[in-house]
PDB file of N, CA and C in Angstrom:
ATOM      1  N   MET A   1     -15.853 -18.585  -0.326  1.00  0.00           N
ATOM      2  CA  MET A   1     -15.666 -19.929  -0.225  1.00  0.00           C
ATOM      3  C   MET A   1     -16.260 -20.613   1.164  1.00  0.00           C
ATOM      4  N   ILE A   2     -16.997 -22.075   1.022  1.00  0.00           N
ATOM      5  CA  ILE A   2     -17.411 -22.866   2.137  1.00  0.00           C
ATOM      6  C   ILE A   2     -16.815 -24.202   2.390  1.00  0.00           C
ATOM      7  N   VAL A   3     -16.415 -24.565   3.525  1.00  0.00           N
ATOM      8  CA  VAL A   3     -15.415 -25.681   3.671  1.00  0.00           C
ATOM      9  C   VAL A   3     -16.624 -26.291   4.429  1.00  0.00           C
ATOM     10  N   ILE A   4     -16.552 -27.541   4.293  1.00  0.00           N
ATOM     11  CA  ILE A   4     -17.273 -28.507   5.396  1.00  0.00           C
ATOM     12  C   ILE A   4     -16.705 -29.467   5.607  1.00  0.00           C
ATOM     13  N   LEU A   5     -16.330 -29.901   7.273  1.00  0.00           N
ATOM     14  CA  LEU A   5     -15.911 -30.981   7.610  1.00  0.00           C
ATOM     15  C   LEU A   5     -16.601 -31.926   8.353  1.00  0.00           C
ATOM     16  N   ALA A   6     -17.208 -33.221   7.715  1.00  0.00           N
ATOM     17  CA  ALA A   6     -18.162 -34.151   8.123  1.00  0.00           C
ATOM     18  C   ALA A   6     -16.906 -35.537   8.852  1.00  0.00           C
ATOM     19  N   ARG A   7     -17.378 -35.080   9.964  1.00  0.00           N
ATOM     20  CA  ARG A   7     -16.294 -36.422  10.666  1.00  0.00           C
ATOM     21  C   ARG A   7     -17.216 -37.218  11.532  1.00  0.00           C
ATOM     22  N   LEU A   8     -17.088 -38.823  11.296  1.00  0.00           N
ATOM     23  CA  LEU A   8     -17.979 -39.786  11.394  1.00  0.00           C
ATOM     24  C   LEU A   8     -17.344 -41.406  11.804  1.00  0.00           C
ATOM     25  N   ALA A   9     -17.645 -41.832  12.800  1.00  0.00           N
ATOM     26  CA  ALA A   9     -17.540 -43.057  13.106  1.00  0.00           C
ATOM     27  C   ALA A   9     -18.260 -43.978  12.798  1.00  0.00           C
ATOM     28  N   ILE A  10     -17.823 -45.378  12.099  1.00  0.00           N
ATOM     29  CA  ILE A  10     -18.600 -45.960  11.616  1.00  0.00           C
ATOM     30  C   ILE A  10     -18.557 -47.369  12.296  1.00  0.00           C
ATOM     31  N   ARG A  11     -19.367 -48.387  11.968  1.00  0.00           N
ATOM     32  CA  ARG A  11     -19.732 -49.420  12.844  1.00  0.00           C
ATOM     33  C   ARG A  11     -18.647 -50.656  12.744  1.00  0.00           C
ATOM     34  N   PRO A  12     -17.963 -51.073  13.907  1.00  0.00           N
ATOM     35  CA  PRO A  12     -17.108 -52.369  13.643  1.00  0.00           C
ATOM     36  C   PRO A  12     -17.037 -52.928  12.413  1.00  0.00           C
ATOM     37  N   GLY A  13     -16.009 -53.841  11.243  1.00  0.00           N
ATOM     38  CA  GLY A  13     -16.381 -54.677  10.301  1.00  0.00           C
ATOM     39  C   GLY A  13     -17.062 -53.904   9.297  1.00  0.00           C
ATOM     40  N   THR A  14     -17.480 -52.685   9.121  1.00  0.00           N
ATOM     41  CA  THR A  14     -17.936 -52.110   8.047  1.00  0.00           C
ATOM     42  C   THR A  14     -17.443 -51.368   7.424  1.00  0.00           C
ATOM     43  N   SER A  15     -15.798 -51.624   7.102  1.00  0.00           N
ATOM     44  CA  SER A  15     -14.967 -50.609   6.598  1.00  0.00           C
ATOM     45  C   SER A  15     -14.876 -50.674   4.770  1.00  0.00           C
ATOM     46  N   ALA A  16     -15.055 -51.902   4.591  1.00  0.00           N
ATOM     47  CA  ALA A  16     -15.244 -52.252   2.910  1.00  0.00           C
ATOM     48  C   ALA A  16     -16.435 -51.824   2.484  1.00  0.00           C
ATOM     49  N   PRO A  17     -17.288 -51.933   2.947  1.00  0.00           N
ATOM     50  CA  PRO A  17     -18.791 -51.611   2.353  1.00  0.00           C
ATOM     51  C   PRO A  17     -18.679 -50.165   2.602  1.00  0.00           C
ATOM     52  N   PHE A  18     -18.477 -49.422   3.436  1.00  0.00           N
ATOM     53  CA  PHE A  18     -18.746 -48.096   3.810  1.00  0.00           C
ATOM     54  C   PHE A  18     -17.742 -47.297   2.767  1.00  0.00           C
ATOM     55  N   LEU A  19     -16.627 -47.947   2.511  1.00  0.00           N
ATOM     56  CA  LEU A  19     -15.473 -47.223   1.693  1.00  0.00           C
ATOM     57  C   LEU A  19     -15.508 -47.486   0.221  1.00  0.00           C
ATOM     58  N   HIS A  20     -16.193 -48.298   0.171  1.00  0.00           N
ATOM     59  CA  HIS A  20     -16.971 -48.918  -1.612  1.00  0.00           C
ATOM     60  C   HIS A  20     -18.070 -47.837  -1.425  1.00  0.00           C
ATOM     61  N   THR A  21     -19.025 -47.353  -0.816  1.00  0.00           N
ATOM     62  CA  THR A  21     -20.172 -45.963  -0.945  1.00  0.00           C
ATOM     63  C   THR A  21     -19.081 -44.827  -0.550  1.00  0.00           C
ATOM     64  N   ALA A  22     -18.784 -44.518  -0.063  1.00  0.00           N
ATOM     65  CA  ALA A  22     -18.548 -43.205  -0.103  1.00  0.00           C
ATOM     66  C   ALA A  22     -17.291 -42.647  -0.825  1.00  0.00           C
ATOM     67  N   LYS A  23     -16.437 -43.891  -1.574  1.00  0.00           N
ATOM     68  CA  LYS A  23     -15.862 -43.337  -3.028  1.00  0.00           C
ATOM     69  C   LYS A  23     -16.589 -42.998  -4.225  1.00  0.00           C
ATOM     70  N   GLN A  24     -17.610 -44.040  -4.243  1.00  0.00           N
ATOM     71  CA  GLN A  24     -18.909 -43.186  -4.996  1.00  0.00           C
ATOM     72  C   GLN A  24     -19.081 -41.701  -5.040  1.00  0.00           C
ATOM     73  N   LEU A  25     -19.837 -41.506  -3.928  1.00  0.00           N
ATOM     74  CA  LEU A  25     -19.889 -40.184  -3.109  1.00  0.00           C
ATOM     75  C   LEU A  25     -19.018 -39.166  -3.428  1.00  0.00           C
ATOM     76  N   VAL A  26     -17.976 -39.241  -3.140  1.00  0.00           N
ATOM     77  CA  VAL A  26     -16.776 -38.509  -3.688  1.00  0.00           C
ATOM     78  C   VAL A  26     -16.176 -37.742  -4.862  1.00  0.00           C
ATOM     79  N   GLU A  27     -16.782 -39.252  -5.848  1.00  0.00           N
ATOM     80  CA  GLU A  27     -16.084 -39.220  -7.069  1.00  0.00           C
ATOM     81  C   GLU A  27     -17.309 -38.352  -7.586  1.00  0.00           C
ATOM     82  N   ALA A  28     -18.907 -38.666  -7.265  1.00  0.00           N
ATOM     83  CA  ALA A  28     -19.980 -38.113  -7.947  1.00  0.00           C
ATOM     84  C   ALA A  28     -20.144 -36.721  -7.572  1.00  0.00           C
ATOM     85  N   SER A  29     -19.854 -36.006  -6.409  1.00  0.00           N
ATOM     86  CA  SER A  29     -19.686 -34.948  -5.851  1.00  0.00           C
ATOM     87  C   SER A  29     -18.711 -34.215  -5.985  1.00  0.00           C
ATOM     88  N   ARG A  30     -17.356 -34.378  -6.841  1.00  0.00           N
ATOM     89  CA  ARG A  30     -16.664 -33.628  -7.311  1.00  0.00           C
ATOM     90  C   ARG A  30     -16.477 -33.321  -8.665  1.00  0.00           C
ATOM     91  N   GLN A  31     -18.218 -33.704  -9.379  1.00  0.00           N
ATOM     92  CA  GLN A  31     -18.642 -33.438 -10.866  1.00  0.00           C
ATOM     93  C   GLN A  31     -19.291 -32.421 -10.618  1.00  0.00           C
ATOM     94  N   GLU A  32     -19.751 -31.735  -9.519  1.00  0.00           N
ATOM     95  CA  GLU A  32     -20.535 -31.191  -9.224  1.00  0.00           C
ATOM     96  C   GLU A  32     -20.287 -29.637  -9.647  1.00  0.00           C
ATOM     97  N   PRO A  33     -21.192 -28.910 -10.138  1.00  0.00           N
ATOM     98  CA  PRO A  33     -20.445 -27.084 -10.736  1.00  0.00           C
ATOM     99  C   PRO A  33     -20.687 -26.743  -9.063  1.00  0.00           C
ATOM    100  N   GLY A  34     -19.613 -25.638  -8.765  1.00  0.00           N
ATOM    101  CA  GLY A  34     -19.494 -25.287  -7.500  1.00  0.00           C
ATOM    102  C   GLY A  34     -18.708 -25.615  -6.768  1.00  0.00           C
ATOM    103  N   CYS A  35     -18.248 -27.227  -6.824  1.00  0.00           N
ATOM    104  CA  CYS A  35     -17.656 -27.681  -6.067  1.00  0.00           C
ATOM    105  C   CYS A  35     -15.790 -27.830  -6.295  1.00  0.00           C
ATOM    106  N   THR A  36     -15.164 -27.310  -5.742  1.00  0.00           N
ATOM    107  CA  THR A  36     -14.207 -27.230  -5.772  1.00  0.00           C
ATOM    108  C   THR A  36     -12.819 -28.253  -5.245  1.00  0.00           C
ATOM    109  N   GLY A  37     -14.102 -28.895  -4.283  1.00  0.00           N
ATOM    110  CA  GLY A  37     -12.715 -30.106  -3.311  1.00  0.00           C
ATOM    111  C   GLY A  37     -13.871 -31.054  -2.774  1.00  0.00           C
ATOM    112  N   TYR A  38     -13.298 -32.193  -2.631  1.00  0.00           N
ATOM    113  CA  TYR A  38     -14.384 -33.413  -1.904  1.00  0.00           C
ATOM    114  C   TYR A  38     -13.292 -34.428  -1.474  1.00  0.00           C
ATOM    115  N   GLU A  39     -12.867 -34.657  -0.509  1.00  0.00           N
ATOM    116  CA  GLU A  39     -11.800 -35.432   0.078  1.00  0.00           C
ATOM    117  C   GLU A  39     -12.765 -36.578   1.077  1.00  0.00           C
ATOM    118  N   LEU A  40     -11.990 -37.658   0.912  1.00  0.00           N
ATOM    119  CA  LEU A  40     -12.434 -38.547   2.134  1.00  0.00           C
ATOM    120  C   LEU A  40     -11.157 -38.835   3.128  1.00  0.00           C
ATOM    121  N   LEU A  41     -10.967 -38.742   4.180  1.00  0.00           N
ATOM    122  CA  LEU A  41      -9.936 -38.605   5.117  1.00  0.00           C
ATOM    123  C   LEU A  41     -10.045 -39.873   6.280  1.00  0.00           C
ATOM    124  N   VAL A  42      -8.945 -40.058   6.761  1.00  0.00           N
ATOM    125  CA  VAL A  42      -9.155 -41.415   7.723  1.00  0.00           C
ATOM    126  C   VAL A  42      -8.324 -40.539   8.815  1.00  0.00           C
ATOM    127  N   ASP A  43      -8.301 -40.705  10.117  1.00  0.00           N
ATOM    128  CA  ASP A  43      -7.464 -40.012  11.087  1.00  0.00           C
ATOM    129  C   ASP A  43      -6.982 -41.746  11.790  1.00  0.00           C
ATOM    130  N   GLY A  44      -6.096 -41.722  12.734  1.00  0.00           N
ATOM    131  CA  GLY A  44      -4.831 -42.678  13.594  1.00  0.00           C
ATOM    132  C   GLY A  44      -6.353 -43.525  14.362  1.00  0.00           C
ATOM    133  N   ASP A  45      -7.612 -43.139  14.715  1.00  0.00           N
ATOM    134  CA  ASP A  45      -8.515 -44.013  15.663  1.00  0.00           C
ATOM    135  C   ASP A  45      -9.225 -44.620  14.882  1.00  0.00           C
ATOM    136  N   GLY A  46      -9.309 -44.513  13.033  1.00  0.00           N
ATOM    137  CA  GLY A  46     -10.230 -45.247  12.606  1.00  0.00           C
ATOM    138  C   GLY A  46     -11.610 -44.181  12.544  1.00  0.00           C
ATOM    139  N   ARG A  47     -11.645 -42.993  12.409  1.00  0.00           N
ATOM    140  CA  ARG A  47     -12.754 -42.072  12.342  1.00  0.00           C
ATOM    141  C   ARG A  47     -12.540 -41.791  11.016  1.00  0.00           C
ATOM    142  N   TYR A  48     -13.411 -41.371  10.085  1.00  0.00           N
ATOM    143  CA  TYR A  48     -13.527 -41.180   8.518  1.00  0.00           C
ATOM    144  C   TYR A  48     -13.954 -39.434   8.673  1.00  0.00           C
ATOM    145  N   ALA A  49     -13.319 -38.864   7.834  1.00  0.00           N
ATOM    146  CA  ALA A  49     -14.043 -37.038   7.542  1.00  0.00           C
ATOM    147  C   ALA A  49     -14.093 -37.015   6.086  1.00  0.00           C
ATOM    148  N   PHE A  50     -15.473 -36.716   5.579  1.00  0.00           N
ATOM    149  CA  PHE A  50     -15.102 -35.716   4.234  1.00  0.00           C
ATOM    150  C   PHE A  50     -14.915 -34.618   4.521  1.00  0.00           C
ATOM    151  N   LEU A  51     -14.010 -33.800   3.290  1.00  0.00           N
ATOM    152  CA  LEU A  51     -13.812 -32.325   3.555  1.00  0.00           C
ATOM    153  C   LEU A  51     -14.167 -31.866   2.367  1.00  0.00           C
ATOM    154  N   GLU A  52     -15.486 -30.617   2.495  1.00  0.00           N
ATOM    155  CA  GLU A  52     -15.737 -30.593   1.225  1.00  0.00           C
ATOM    156  C   GLU A  52     -15.582 -29.197   0.820  1.00  0.00           C
ATOM    157  N   ARG A  53     -15.701 -28.619  -0.095  1.00  0.00           N
ATOM    158  CA  ARG A  53     -15.024 -27.245  -0.311  1.00  0.00           C
ATOM    159  C   ARG A  53     -16.286 -26.713  -1.348  1.00  0.00           C
ATOM    160  N   TYR A  54     -16.380 -25.687  -1.488  1.00  0.00           N
ATOM    161  CA  TYR A  54     -17.576 -25.028  -2.503  1.00  0.00           C
ATOM    162  C   TYR A  54     -17.470 -23.530  -2.695  1.00  0.00           C
ATOM    163  N   LEU A  55     -17.970 -22.938  -3.881  1.00  0.00           N
ATOM    164  CA  LEU A  55     -17.640 -21.531  -4.274  1.00  0.00           C
ATOM    165  C   LEU A  55     -18.471 -20.853  -3.373  1.00  0.00           C
ATOM    166  N   ASP A  56     -19.636 -21.055  -2.832  1.00  0.00           N
ATOM    167  CA  ASP A  56     -20.370 -20.328  -2.012  1.00  0.00           C
ATOM    168  C   ASP A  56     -21.653 -21.422  -1.353  1.00  0.00           C
ATOM    169  N   GLU A  57     -22.583 -21.023  -0.513  1.00  0.00           N
ATOM    170  CA  GLU A  57     -23.585 -21.379   0.053  1.00  0.00           C
ATOM    171  C   GLU A  57     -24.292 -21.931  -0.824  1.00  0.00           C
ATOM    172  N   ASP A  58     -24.534 -21.433  -2.201  1.00  0.00           N
ATOM    173  CA  ASP A  58     -25.468 -21.931  -2.682  1.00  0.00           C
ATOM    174  C   ASP A  58     -25.082 -23.257  -3.364  1.00  0.00           C
ATOM    175  N   ALA A  59     -23.743 -23.731  -3.454  1.00  0.00           N
ATOM    176  CA  ALA A  59     -23.280 -24.466  -4.185  1.00  0.00           C
ATOM    177  C   ALA A  59     -23.428 -25.625  -3.195  1.00  0.00           C
ATOM    178  N   ALA A  60     -23.157 -25.437  -1.778  1.00  0.00           N
ATOM    179  CA  ALA A  60     -23.373 -26.421  -0.589  1.00  0.00           C
ATOM    180  C   ALA A  60     -24.527 -26.771  -0.424  1.00  0.00           C
ATOM    181  N   ALA A  61     -25.309 -26.106  -0.679  1.00  0.00           N
ATOM    182  CA  ALA A  61     -26.732 -26.111  -0.614  1.00  0.00           C
ATOM    183  C   ALA A  61     -27.433 -26.946  -1.787  1.00  0.00           C
ATOM    184  N   ALA A  62     -26.735 -27.306  -2.879  1.00  0.00           N
ATOM    185  CA  ALA A  62     -27.139 -27.628  -3.925  1.00  0.00           C
ATOM    186  C   ALA A  62     -26.610 -29.462  -3.897  1.00  0.00           C
ATOM    187  N   HIS A  63     -25.332 -29.269  -3.481  1.00  0.00           N
ATOM    188  CA  HIS A  63     -24.851 -30.562  -3.310  1.00  0.00           C
ATOM    189  C   HIS A  63     -25.730 -31.161  -2.451  1.00  0.00           C
ATOM    190  N   ARG A  64     -26.348 -31.254  -1.294  1.00  0.00           N
ATOM    191  CA  ARG A  64     -27.288 -31.249  -0.298  1.00  0.00           C
ATOM    192  C   ARG A  64     -28.622 -32.190  -0.969  1.00  0.00           C
ATOM    193  N   LYS A  65     -28.433 -31.400  -2.049  1.00  0.00           N
ATOM    194  CA  LYS A  65     -30.246 -31.864  -3.200  1.00  0.00           C
ATOM    195  C   LYS A  65     -29.840 -33.014  -4.044  1.00  0.00           C
ATOM    196  N   THR A  66     -28.564 -33.142  -4.707  1.00  0.00           N
ATOM    197  CA  THR A  66     -28.358 -34.003  -5.567  1.00  0.00           C
ATOM    198  C   THR A  66     -28.874 -35.564  -5.439  1.00  0.00           C
ATOM    199  N   ASP A  67     -29.222 -36.227  -6.908  1.00  0.00           N
ATOM    200  CA  ASP A  67     -29.574 -37.486  -6.157  1.00  0.00           C
ATOM    201  C   ASP A  67     -28.139 -38.427  -5.651  1.00  0.00           C
ATOM    202  N   HIS A  68     -27.043 -38.312  -6.170  1.00  0.00           N
ATOM    203  CA  HIS A  68     -26.139 -39.108  -5.604  1.00  0.00           C
ATOM    204  C   HIS A  68     -25.893 -38.894  -4.179  1.00  0.00           C
ATOM    205  N   PHE A  69     -25.828 -37.759  -3.730  1.00  0.00           N
ATOM    206  CA  PHE A  69     -25.599 -37.489  -2.436  1.00  0.00           C
ATOM    207  C   PHE A  69     -27.286 -38.062  -1.569  1.00  0.00           C
ATOM    208  N   ARG A  70     -28.206 -37.859  -1.686  1.00  0.00           N
ATOM    209  CA  ARG A  70     -29.257 -38.484  -1.273  1.00  0.00           C
ATOM    210  C   ARG A  70     -29.025 -39.764  -1.267  1.00  0.00           C
ATOM    211  N   THR A  71     -29.252 -40.402  -2.147  1.00  0.00           N
ATOM    212  CA  THR A  71     -29.001 -41.821  -2.151  1.00  0.00           C
ATOM    213  C   THR A  71     -27.599 -42.659  -1.600  1.00  0.00           C
ATOM    214  N   LEU A  72     -26.879 -42.464  -1.962  1.00  0.00           N
ATOM    215  CA  LEU A  72     -25.296 -42.523  -1.111  1.00  0.00           C
ATOM    216  C   LEU A  72     -25.212 -42.346   0.125  1.00  0.00           C
ATOM    217  N   GLY A  73     -25.980 -41.109   0.217  1.00  0.00           N
ATOM    218  CA  GLY A  73     -25.672 -40.411   1.729  1.00  0.00           C
ATOM    219  C   GLY A  73     -26.589 -41.479   2.470  1.00  0.00           C
ATOM    220  N   ARG A  74     -28.052 -41.850   2.207  1.00  0.00           N
ATOM    221  CA  ARG A  74     -28.661 -42.931   2.876  1.00  0.00           C
ATOM    222  C   ARG A  74     -28.240 -43.831   3.380  1.00  0.00           C
ATOM    223  N   ALA A  75     -27.321 -44.606   2.196  1.00  0.00           N
ATOM    224  CA  ALA A  75     -26.799 -45.740   2.117  1.00  0.00           C
ATOM    225  C   ALA A  75     -25.854 -45.915   2.921  1.00  0.00           C
ATOM    226  N   LEU A  76     -24.834 -44.364   3.427  1.00  0.00           N
ATOM    227  CA  LEU A  76     -23.798 -44.708   4.241  1.00  0.00           C
ATOM    228  C   LEU A  76     -24.323 -44.883   5.697  1.00  0.00           C
ATOM    229  N   GLY A  77     -25.253 -44.508   5.811  1.00  0.00           N
ATOM    230  CA  GLY A  77     -26.352 -44.186   7.321  1.00  0.00           C
ATOM    231  C   GLY A  77     -26.327 -45.706   7.865  1.00  0.00           C
ATOM    232  N   GLU A  78     -26.246 -46.545   7.074  1.00  0.00           N
ATOM    233  CA  GLU A  78     -26.230 -48.488   7.573  1.00  0.00           C
ATOM    234  C   GLU A  78     -24.710 -48.305   8.239  1.00  0.00           C
ATOM    235  N   PHE A  79     -23.938 -47.880   7.661  1.00  0.00           N
ATOM    236  CA  PHE A  79     -22.334 -48.027   8.039  1.00  0.00           C
ATOM    237  C   PHE A  79     -21.894 -46.932   9.611  1.00  0.00           C
ATOM    238  N   ILE A  80     -22.535 -45.645   9.889  1.00  0.00           N
ATOM    239  CA  ILE A  80     -22.611 -44.688  10.607  1.00  0.00           C
ATOM    240  C   ILE A  80     -22.587 -45.162  12.082  1.00  0.00           C
ATOM    241  N   GLU A  81     -21.685 -44.946  12.954  1.00  0.00           N
ATOM    242  CA  GLU A  81     -22.342 -45.238  14.366  1.00  0.00           C
ATOM    243  C   GLU A  81     -22.411 -43.510  15.020  1.00  0.00           C
ATOM    244  N   GLY A  82     -23.556 -43.397  15.932  1.00  0.00           N
ATOM    245  CA  GLY A  82     -24.186 -42.187  16.223  1.00  0.00           C
ATOM    246  C   GLY A  82     -24.036 -41.274  15.039  1.00  0.00           C
ATOM    247  N   LYS A  83     -23.888 -39.544  15.678  1.00  0.00           N
ATOM    248  CA  LYS A  83     -24.163 -38.727  14.719  1.00  0.00           C
ATOM    249  C   LYS A  83     -22.877 -38.397  14.657  1.00  0.00           C
ATOM    250  N   PRO A  84     -23.168 -37.742  13.129  1.00  0.00           N
ATOM    251  CA  PRO A  84     -21.595 -36.832  12.783  1.00  0.00           C
ATOM    252  C   PRO A  84     -21.641 -35.700  12.808  1.00  0.00           C
ATOM    253  N   GLU A  85     -20.258 -35.482  13.194  1.00  0.00           N
ATOM    254  CA  GLU A  85     -20.060 -33.991  13.759  1.00  0.00           C
ATOM    255  C   GLU A  85     -19.964 -32.909  12.459  1.00  0.00           C
ATOM    256  N   LEU A  86     -20.422 -32.280  12.498  1.00  0.00           N
ATOM    257  CA  LEU A  86     -20.529 -31.488  11.204  1.00  0.00           C
ATOM    258  C   LEU A  86     -19.816 -30.137  11.493  1.00  0.00           C
ATOM    259  N   LEU A  87     -18.784 -29.316  10.939  1.00  0.00           N
ATOM    260  CA  LEU A  87     -18.123 -28.144  10.908  1.00  0.00           C
ATOM    261  C   LEU A  87     -17.739 -27.335  10.040  1.00  0.00           C
ATOM    262  N   SER A  88     -18.960 -26.188   9.951  1.00  0.00           N
ATOM    263  CA  SER A  88     -19.181 -25.257   8.627  1.00  0.00           C
ATOM    264  C   SER A  88     -18.351 -23.958   8.681  1.00  0.00           C
ATOM    265  N   LEU A  89     -17.131 -23.886   7.946  1.00  0.00           N
ATOM    266  CA  LEU A  89     -16.508 -22.913   7.950  1.00  0.00           C
ATOM    267  C   LEU A  89     -16.518 -22.000   6.797  1.00  0.00           C
ATOM    268  N   HIS A  90     -16.557 -20.539   6.397  1.00  0.00           N
ATOM    269  CA  HIS A  90     -16.733 -19.476   5.473  1.00  0.00           C
ATOM    270  C   HIS A  90     -14.939 -19.179   5.701  1.00  0.00           C
ATOM    271  N   GLY A  91     -14.569 -19.165   4.282  1.00  0.00           N
ATOM    272  CA  GLY A  91     -13.816 -18.289   3.662  1.00  0.00           C
ATOM    273  C   GLY A  91     -13.819 -16.896   4.136  1.00  0.00           C
ATOM    274  N   ILE A  92     -12.641 -16.211   4.747  1.00  0.00           N
ATOM    275  CA  ILE A  92     -12.729 -14.503   5.281  1.00  0.00           C
ATOM    276  C   ILE A  92     -12.113 -13.986   3.715  1.00  0.00           C
ATOM    277  N   PRO A  93     -12.757 -12.687   3.343  1.00  0.00           N
ATOM    278  CA  PRO A  93     -12.194 -12.185   2.365  1.00  0.00           C
ATOM    279  C   PRO A  93     -11.078 -11.460   2.260  1.00  0.00           C
ATOM    280  N   GLN A  94     -10.504 -11.365   0.880  1.00  0.00           N
ATOM    281  CA  GLN A  94      -9.009 -10.383   1.077  1.00  0.00           C
ATOM    282  C   GLN A  94      -9.516  -9.163   1.820  1.00  0.00           C
ATOM    283  N   GLY A  95      -8.523  -8.483   2.516  1.00  0.00           N
ATOM    284  CA  GLY A  95      -8.832  -7.497   2.781  1.00  0.00           C
ATOM    285  C   GLY A  95      -9.505  -7.211   4.289  1.00  0.00           C
ATOM    286  N   HIS A  96      -9.993  -8.254   4.716  1.00  0.00           N
ATOM    287  CA  HIS A  96     -11.463  -8.555   6.219  1.00  0.00           C
ATOM    288  C   HIS A  96     -10.093  -8.119   7.051  1.00  0.00           C
ATOM    289  N   PRO A  97     -10.344  -7.597   7.856  1.00  0.00           N
ATOM    290  CA  PRO A  97      -9.321  -6.797   9.282  1.00  0.00           C
ATOM    291  C   PRO A  97      -9.474  -8.228   9.836  1.00  0.00           C
TER     292      PRO A  97
END
């Protein structure tokens, strides 16, 4: 299992168009083979995060090559302030010490 947390801040005054585009990305990504979860989250400071879950590294890599990721991800870029913070986590197999 691969889990990716992408945290980002958006420019002031862009929350409505950001959310419109981000929700399209979430819905399209949830349909991908190998994607087991894709959520859009917000914290108390107004920073957003995408929480993504994939069966394996191949599924995560395939996500980054989809048309919807490239198109909608590019569209989201105009709302993002600064560089997104990415955290990639791997599941620990059962029985692993």
